[in-house]
């Protein structure tokens, strides 16, 4: 079973790529650092609820979509 951080990170990356957005662009729009975005996408960081909201807002998606895992 995959770690929830990895599944969440894969969703962030999926929606970022669907928007044709670089990690740098997502970082700028969300107010988070690019290396933080990278660590989240790789499942290396556990992310706070506030930062989840920032990412969802920057991606223009509902927060819940970041938690829909297609196992």
Protein backbone atom coordinates (compact mmCIF):
# COMPACT_ATOMS: atom_id res chain seq x y z
CA UNK A 1 0.00 0.00 0.00
CA UNK A 2 1.36 3.36 -1.00
CA UNK A 3 1.91 6.11 1.51
CA UNK A 4 -0.75 8.85 1.59
CA UNK A 5 1.94 11.51 1.12
CA UNK A 6 3.05 9.84 -2.10
CA UNK A 7 -0.53 9.49 -3.38
CA UNK A 8 -1.27 13.12 -2.52
CA UNK A 9 1.95 14.26 -4.20
CA UNK A 10 1.13 12.30 -7.33
CA UNK A 11 -2.22 14.13 -7.51
CA UNK A 12 -0.55 17.53 -7.10
CA UNK A 13 1.80 16.65 -9.96
CA UNK A 14 -1.06 15.32 -12.11
CA UNK A 15 -3.14 18.49 -11.78
CA UNK A 16 -0.09 20.73 -12.19
CA UNK A 17 0.78 18.99 -15.47
CA UNK A 18 -2.85 19.14 -16.64
CA UNK A 19 -2.60 22.93 -16.24
CA UNK A 20 0.74 22.93 -18.14
CA UNK A 21 2.32 24.53 -15.11
CA UNK A 22 5.90 24.19 -13.93
CA UNK A 23 6.81 23.67 -10.29
CA UNK A 24 8.13 27.23 -10.30
CA UNK A 25 4.79 28.60 -11.53
CA UNK A 26 2.85 26.59 -8.97
CA UNK A 27 5.21 27.79 -6.25
CA UNK A 28 4.72 31.41 -7.27
CA UNK A 29 0.92 31.12 -7.43
CA UNK A 30 0.68 29.26 -4.13
CA UNK A 31 3.24 31.30 -2.21
CA UNK A 32 5.24 28.16 -1.45
CA UNK A 33 8.87 27.42 -2.34
CA UNK A 34 9.68 25.35 -5.43
CA UNK A 35 11.74 22.85 -3.46
CA UNK A 36 8.78 22.38 -1.10
CA UNK A 37 6.50 21.69 -4.10
CA UNK A 38 9.05 19.17 -5.38
CA UNK A 39 9.24 17.39 -2.01
CA UNK A 40 5.43 17.26 -1.77
CA UNK A 41 5.13 15.80 -5.29
CA UNK A 42 7.69 13.11 -4.41
CA UNK A 43 5.84 12.22 -1.20
CA UNK A 44 8.75 13.36 0.95
CA UNK A 45 6.83 16.04 2.89
CA UNK A 46 3.74 15.83 5.03
CA UNK A 47 1.74 18.94 4.16
CA UNK A 48 -0.43 21.14 6.37
CA UNK A 49 -4.08 21.88 5.70
CA UNK A 50 -3.26 25.53 5.02
CA UNK A 51 -0.75 24.56 2.34
CA UNK A 52 -3.17 22.06 0.83
CA UNK A 53 -5.64 24.90 0.40
CA UNK A 54 -2.95 27.11 -1.15
CA UNK A 55 -2.08 24.41 -3.69
CA UNK A 56 -5.72 23.71 -4.58
CA UNK A 57 -6.39 27.43 -5.03
CA UNK A 58 -3.29 27.86 -7.19
CA UNK A 59 -4.33 24.87 -9.31
CA UNK A 60 -7.93 26.13 -9.54
CA UNK A 61 -9.38 22.85 -8.26
CA UNK A 62 -11.42 21.68 -5.30
CA UNK A 63 -9.36 20.52 -2.33
CA UNK A 64 -11.09 17.15 -2.37
CA UNK A 65 -9.61 16.31 -5.78
CA UNK A 66 -6.17 16.10 -4.23
CA UNK A 67 -7.50 13.27 -2.04
CA UNK A 68 -9.19 11.21 -4.76
CA UNK A 69 -6.87 8.25 -5.16
CA UNK A 70 -7.43 5.84 -8.03
CA UNK A 71 -6.05 2.60 -6.60
